[in-house]
Amino acid sequence: MPPLPGSDSVGEEARARLDEVIHSPVRLSVVAALAATDEAEFSAVRDAVQISDSALSKAVTVLEQAGYVHVRKGYVGKRPRTWLRLTPAGREALTAHLAALRAIAGG
């Protein structure tokens, strides 16, 4: 039987590196979707993540307050639009969070 991984990879130290803001499955999905592009329209992110407008709005509010997402509002013709962009801090947080998950998973 193989030995268990060391406590440094699955223990408290690795868990402490998880980002509680990003750890929520919906917020992680939003951040991951935004990481693949420079900027995306709200509806495109909603469709990619497959959630309702209100669920995305709540997730974006938390991510914006953490400084991970920038929200830009404007118009296309006479129709209001909202665009979302991952900030440099958001990209760094995602990278660190994924590294912590890999450490815990043994990768």
N, C-alpha and C. Protein backbone atom coordinates (compact mmCIF):
# COMPACT_ATOMS: atom_id res chain seq x y z
N MET A 1 0.84 -1.17 0.00
CA MET A 1 0.00 0.00 0.00
C MET A 1 0.89 1.24 0.00
N PRO A 2 0.64 2.21 -0.91
CA PRO A 2 1.50 3.40 -0.95
C PRO A 2 1.28 4.28 0.27
N PRO A 3 2.32 4.99 0.69
CA PRO A 3 2.18 5.87 1.86
C PRO A 3 1.30 7.07 1.53
N LEU A 4 0.72 7.64 2.56
CA LEU A 4 -0.06 8.86 2.38
C LEU A 4 0.87 10.02 2.05
N PRO A 5 0.36 11.00 1.30
CA PRO A 5 1.20 12.18 1.03
C PRO A 5 1.57 12.89 2.32
N GLY A 6 2.64 13.65 2.26
CA GLY A 6 3.08 14.40 3.43
C GLY A 6 2.07 15.45 3.84
N SER A 7 2.09 15.82 5.10
CA SER A 7 1.12 16.78 5.62
C SER A 7 1.26 18.15 4.97
N ASP A 8 2.43 18.47 4.41
CA ASP A 8 2.60 19.77 3.78
C ASP A 8 1.77 19.89 2.51
N SER A 9 1.41 18.77 1.88
CA SER A 9 0.65 18.86 0.64
C SER A 9 -0.85 18.74 0.83
N VAL A 10 -1.30 18.10 1.88
CA VAL A 10 -2.74 17.94 2.07
C VAL A 10 -3.25 18.52 3.38
N GLY A 11 -2.38 19.03 4.18
CA GLY A 11 -2.76 19.50 5.51
C GLY A 11 -3.17 20.95 5.56
N GLU A 12 -3.08 21.48 6.75
CA GLU A 12 -3.54 22.83 7.03
C GLU A 12 -2.82 23.88 6.19
N GLU A 13 -1.52 23.68 5.98
CA GLU A 13 -0.75 24.66 5.19
C GLU A 13 -1.31 24.80 3.78
N ALA A 14 -1.59 23.68 3.13
CA ALA A 14 -2.14 23.73 1.77
C ALA A 14 -3.55 24.31 1.79
N ARG A 15 -4.36 23.92 2.76
CA ARG A 15 -5.73 24.45 2.85
C ARG A 15 -5.72 25.95 3.11
N ALA A 16 -4.75 26.42 3.85
CA ALA A 16 -4.68 27.85 4.16
C ALA A 16 -4.40 28.68 2.91
N ARG A 17 -3.83 28.07 1.88
CA ARG A 17 -3.54 28.79 0.64
C ARG A 17 -4.76 28.87 -0.28
N LEU A 18 -5.85 28.15 0.04
CA LEU A 18 -7.07 28.26 -0.75
C LEU A 18 -7.68 29.64 -0.55
N ASP A 19 -8.20 30.20 -1.61
CA ASP A 19 -8.82 31.52 -1.55
C ASP A 19 -10.32 31.34 -1.32
N GLU A 20 -10.80 31.76 -0.16
CA GLU A 20 -12.21 31.57 0.19
C GLU A 20 -13.15 32.31 -0.77
N VAL A 21 -12.71 33.41 -1.33
CA VAL A 21 -13.55 34.15 -2.28
C VAL A 21 -13.74 33.33 -3.55
N ILE A 22 -12.69 32.74 -4.05
CA ILE A 22 -12.74 31.98 -5.30
C ILE A 22 -13.24 30.56 -5.08
N HIS A 23 -13.15 30.03 -3.89
CA HIS A 23 -13.43 28.62 -3.64
C HIS A 23 -14.87 28.20 -3.94
N SER A 24 -15.81 29.12 -3.85
CA SER A 24 -17.20 28.81 -4.19
C SER A 24 -17.25 28.31 -5.64
N PRO A 25 -17.95 27.21 -5.90
CA PRO A 25 -17.98 26.67 -7.27
C PRO A 25 -18.44 27.67 -8.33
N VAL A 26 -19.44 28.49 -8.00
CA VAL A 26 -19.92 29.47 -8.98
C VAL A 26 -18.85 30.53 -9.22
N ARG A 27 -18.26 31.07 -8.16
CA ARG A 27 -17.25 32.11 -8.33
C ARG A 27 -16.01 31.56 -9.03
N LEU A 28 -15.63 30.33 -8.71
CA LEU A 28 -14.50 29.71 -9.39
C LEU A 28 -14.79 29.57 -10.88
N SER A 29 -16.00 29.18 -11.22
CA SER A 29 -16.39 29.06 -12.63
C SER A 29 -16.36 30.41 -13.34
N VAL A 30 -16.82 31.45 -12.68
CA VAL A 30 -16.81 32.79 -13.27
C VAL A 30 -15.38 33.25 -13.51
N VAL A 31 -14.53 33.10 -12.51
CA VAL A 31 -13.13 33.53 -12.63
C VAL A 31 -12.43 32.72 -13.72
N ALA A 32 -12.68 31.43 -13.78
CA ALA A 32 -12.06 30.59 -14.81
C ALA A 32 -12.52 31.00 -16.20
N ALA A 33 -13.80 31.31 -16.34
CA ALA A 33 -14.31 31.76 -17.64
C ALA A 33 -13.66 33.08 -18.05
N LEU A 34 -13.53 34.00 -17.10
CA LEU A 34 -12.93 35.30 -17.41
C LEU A 34 -11.43 35.20 -17.67
N ALA A 35 -10.79 34.19 -17.10
CA ALA A 35 -9.34 34.02 -17.30
C ALA A 35 -9.02 33.69 -18.75
N ALA A 36 -10.00 33.17 -19.46
CA ALA A 36 -9.79 32.76 -20.85
C ALA A 36 -9.94 33.91 -21.85
N THR A 37 -10.27 35.11 -21.37
CA THR A 37 -10.52 36.23 -22.27
C THR A 37 -10.09 37.54 -21.61
N ASP A 38 -9.97 38.58 -22.43
CA ASP A 38 -9.64 39.89 -21.88
C ASP A 38 -10.84 40.52 -21.18
N GLU A 39 -12.01 40.39 -21.83
CA GLU A 39 -13.24 40.98 -21.31
C GLU A 39 -14.41 40.22 -21.92
N ALA A 40 -15.48 40.06 -21.14
CA ALA A 40 -16.64 39.34 -21.65
C ALA A 40 -17.92 40.04 -21.22
N GLU A 41 -18.91 39.97 -22.08
CA GLU A 41 -20.21 40.53 -21.75
C GLU A 41 -20.87 39.65 -20.69
N PHE A 42 -21.60 40.29 -19.80
CA PHE A 42 -22.28 39.61 -18.70
C PHE A 42 -23.05 38.39 -19.20
N SER A 43 -23.82 38.55 -20.27
CA SER A 43 -24.65 37.45 -20.76
C SER A 43 -23.80 36.28 -21.27
N ALA A 44 -22.64 36.57 -21.83
CA ALA A 44 -21.75 35.50 -22.31
C ALA A 44 -21.21 34.69 -21.13
N VAL A 45 -20.86 35.38 -20.06
CA VAL A 45 -20.37 34.69 -18.85
C VAL A 45 -21.51 33.87 -18.24
N ARG A 46 -22.68 34.47 -18.16
CA ARG A 46 -23.85 33.76 -17.62
C ARG A 46 -24.10 32.46 -18.39
N ASP A 47 -24.05 32.54 -19.72
CA ASP A 47 -24.29 31.36 -20.54
C ASP A 47 -23.17 30.33 -20.40
N ALA A 48 -21.92 30.80 -20.31
CA ALA A 48 -20.78 29.89 -20.18
C ALA A 48 -20.82 29.14 -18.85
N VAL A 49 -21.20 29.84 -17.79
CA VAL A 49 -21.21 29.25 -16.46
C VAL A 49 -22.54 28.52 -16.20
N GLN A 50 -23.53 28.81 -17.00
CA GLN A 50 -24.85 28.18 -16.93
C GLN A 50 -25.54 28.44 -15.59
N ILE A 51 -25.68 29.73 -15.30
CA ILE A 51 -26.39 30.15 -14.09
C ILE A 51 -27.33 31.28 -14.45
N SER A 52 -28.16 31.67 -13.52
CA SER A 52 -29.12 32.75 -13.74
C SER A 52 -28.43 34.11 -13.65
N ASP A 53 -29.11 35.12 -14.15
CA ASP A 53 -28.60 36.49 -14.04
C ASP A 53 -28.36 36.87 -12.57
N SER A 54 -29.32 36.54 -11.71
CA SER A 54 -29.19 36.93 -10.30
C SER A 54 -28.03 36.21 -9.62
N ALA A 55 -27.82 34.93 -9.94
CA ALA A 55 -26.69 34.19 -9.34
C ALA A 55 -25.37 34.78 -9.81
N LEU A 56 -25.28 35.14 -11.10
CA LEU A 56 -24.05 35.74 -11.61
C LEU A 56 -23.84 37.11 -10.99
N SER A 57 -24.89 37.87 -10.87
CA SER A 57 -24.79 39.20 -10.27
C SER A 57 -24.25 39.12 -8.83
N LYS A 58 -24.75 38.18 -8.06
CA LYS A 58 -24.27 38.00 -6.68
C LYS A 58 -22.80 37.60 -6.66
N ALA A 59 -22.43 36.67 -7.54
CA ALA A 59 -21.03 36.23 -7.59
C ALA A 59 -20.12 37.37 -8.00
N VAL A 60 -20.54 38.14 -8.99
CA VAL A 60 -19.72 39.26 -9.48
C VAL A 60 -19.57 40.31 -8.40
N THR A 61 -20.60 40.56 -7.62
CA THR A 61 -20.52 41.53 -6.53
C THR A 61 -19.42 41.14 -5.54
N VAL A 62 -19.39 39.88 -5.15
CA VAL A 62 -18.36 39.40 -4.21
C VAL A 62 -16.98 39.52 -4.85
N LEU A 63 -16.86 39.10 -6.10
CA LEU A 63 -15.56 39.14 -6.79
C LEU A 63 -15.09 40.59 -7.00
N GLU A 64 -16.02 41.47 -7.29
CA GLU A 64 -15.66 42.89 -7.48
C GLU A 64 -15.21 43.50 -6.15
N GLN A 65 -15.90 43.20 -5.07
CA GLN A 65 -15.52 43.73 -3.75
C GLN A 65 -14.14 43.23 -3.34
N ALA A 66 -13.78 42.03 -3.77
CA ALA A 66 -12.45 41.48 -3.46
C ALA A 66 -11.37 42.04 -4.38
N GLY A 67 -11.78 42.78 -5.40
CA GLY A 67 -10.81 43.34 -6.34
C GLY A 67 -10.40 42.37 -7.43
N TYR A 68 -11.14 41.29 -7.61
CA TYR A 68 -10.78 40.26 -8.58
C TYR A 68 -11.42 40.47 -9.95
N VAL A 69 -12.53 41.20 -9.99
CA VAL A 69 -13.24 41.44 -11.25
C VAL A 69 -13.53 42.93 -11.37
N HIS A 70 -13.33 43.44 -12.59
CA HIS A 70 -13.69 44.83 -12.90
C HIS A 70 -14.97 44.79 -13.71
N VAL A 71 -15.93 45.63 -13.34
CA VAL A 71 -17.22 45.70 -14.03
C VAL A 71 -17.29 47.02 -14.78
N ARG A 72 -17.61 46.93 -16.06
CA ARG A 72 -17.76 48.13 -16.90
C ARG A 72 -19.17 48.13 -17.47
N LYS A 73 -19.85 49.25 -17.30
CA LYS A 73 -21.22 49.37 -17.82
C LYS A 73 -21.23 50.39 -18.95
N GLY A 74 -22.07 50.13 -19.93
CA GLY A 74 -22.19 51.03 -21.06
C GLY A 74 -23.41 50.67 -21.88
N TYR A 75 -23.43 51.17 -23.10
CA TYR A 75 -24.56 50.93 -23.98
C TYR A 75 -24.08 50.43 -25.33
N VAL A 76 -24.89 49.58 -25.92
CA VAL A 76 -24.74 49.19 -27.32
C VAL A 76 -26.03 49.66 -27.95
N GLY A 77 -25.91 50.74 -28.73
CA GLY A 77 -27.13 51.41 -29.19
C GLY A 77 -27.81 52.00 -27.97
N LYS A 78 -29.08 51.68 -27.80
CA LYS A 78 -29.82 52.18 -26.63
C LYS A 78 -29.96 51.13 -25.54
N ARG A 79 -29.31 49.99 -25.74
CA ARG A 79 -29.44 48.90 -24.76
C ARG A 79 -28.26 48.91 -23.78
N PRO A 80 -28.59 48.87 -22.48
CA PRO A 80 -27.50 48.82 -21.49
C PRO A 80 -26.78 47.47 -21.54
N ARG A 81 -25.49 47.51 -21.35
CA ARG A 81 -24.67 46.29 -21.34
C ARG A 81 -23.69 46.37 -20.18
N THR A 82 -23.28 45.19 -19.71
CA THR A 82 -22.28 45.08 -18.66
C THR A 82 -21.19 44.15 -19.14
N TRP A 83 -19.93 44.59 -18.97
CA TRP A 83 -18.79 43.77 -19.35
C TRP A 83 -17.98 43.46 -18.09
N LEU A 84 -17.40 42.29 -18.07
CA LEU A 84 -16.62 41.83 -16.93
C LEU A 84 -15.20 41.52 -17.37
N ARG A 85 -14.26 41.88 -16.51
CA ARG A 85 -12.85 41.62 -16.80
C ARG A 85 -12.16 41.16 -15.52
N LEU A 86 -11.32 40.15 -15.64
CA LEU A 86 -10.54 39.68 -14.50
C LEU A 86 -9.39 40.67 -14.30
N THR A 87 -9.20 41.13 -13.08
CA THR A 87 -8.12 42.07 -12.78
C THR A 87 -6.81 41.29 -12.60
N PRO A 88 -5.67 41.98 -12.62
CA PRO A 88 -4.41 41.29 -12.33
C PRO A 88 -4.45 40.57 -10.97
N ALA A 89 -5.06 41.19 -9.98
CA ALA A 89 -5.18 40.54 -8.67
C ALA A 89 -6.04 39.29 -8.77
N GLY A 90 -7.06 39.32 -9.59
CA GLY A 90 -7.91 38.16 -9.79
C GLY A 90 -7.17 37.02 -10.47
N ARG A 91 -6.33 37.37 -11.45
CA ARG A 91 -5.53 36.34 -12.12
C ARG A 91 -4.54 35.70 -11.15
N GLU A 92 -3.90 36.53 -10.33
CA GLU A 92 -2.96 36.01 -9.33
C GLU A 92 -3.67 35.12 -8.31
N ALA A 93 -4.85 35.54 -7.89
CA ALA A 93 -5.61 34.76 -6.92
C ALA A 93 -6.02 33.41 -7.51
N LEU A 94 -6.44 33.42 -8.77
CA LEU A 94 -6.81 32.16 -9.42
C LEU A 94 -5.61 31.23 -9.53
N THR A 95 -4.49 31.76 -9.94
CA THR A 95 -3.27 30.95 -10.08
C THR A 95 -2.88 30.34 -8.74
N ALA A 96 -2.90 31.13 -7.67
CA ALA A 96 -2.54 30.64 -6.34
C ALA A 96 -3.55 29.60 -5.84
N HIS A 97 -4.82 29.85 -6.10
CA HIS A 97 -5.86 28.92 -5.66
C HIS A 97 -5.71 27.57 -6.37
N LEU A 98 -5.48 27.62 -7.66
CA LEU A 98 -5.30 26.38 -8.43
C LEU A 98 -4.05 25.63 -7.97
N ALA A 99 -2.98 26.35 -7.64
CA ALA A 99 -1.77 25.71 -7.14
C ALA A 99 -2.04 25.01 -5.81
N ALA A 100 -2.83 25.64 -4.94
CA ALA A 100 -3.18 25.02 -3.66
C ALA A 100 -4.03 23.77 -3.88
N LEU A 101 -4.97 23.83 -4.82
CA LEU A 101 -5.78 22.66 -5.13
C LEU A 101 -4.91 21.52 -5.67
N ARG A 102 -3.95 21.86 -6.53
CA ARG A 102 -3.05 20.84 -7.07
C ARG A 102 -2.21 20.20 -5.96
N ALA A 103 -1.75 21.02 -5.03
CA ALA A 103 -0.96 20.50 -3.91
C ALA A 103 -1.79 19.52 -3.08
N ILE A 104 -3.03 19.89 -2.81
CA ILE A 104 -3.91 19.03 -2.03
C ILE A 104 -4.21 17.74 -2.79
N ALA A 105 -4.41 17.87 -4.10
CA ALA A 105 -4.76 16.69 -4.92
C ALA A 105 -3.55 15.83 -5.24
N GLY A 106 -2.38 16.30 -4.87
CA GLY A 106 -1.18 15.51 -5.11
C GLY A 106 -0.56 15.72 -6.47
N GLY A 107 -0.91 16.81 -7.13
CA GLY A 107 -0.37 17.09 -8.46
C GLY A 107 0.68 18.11 -8.37
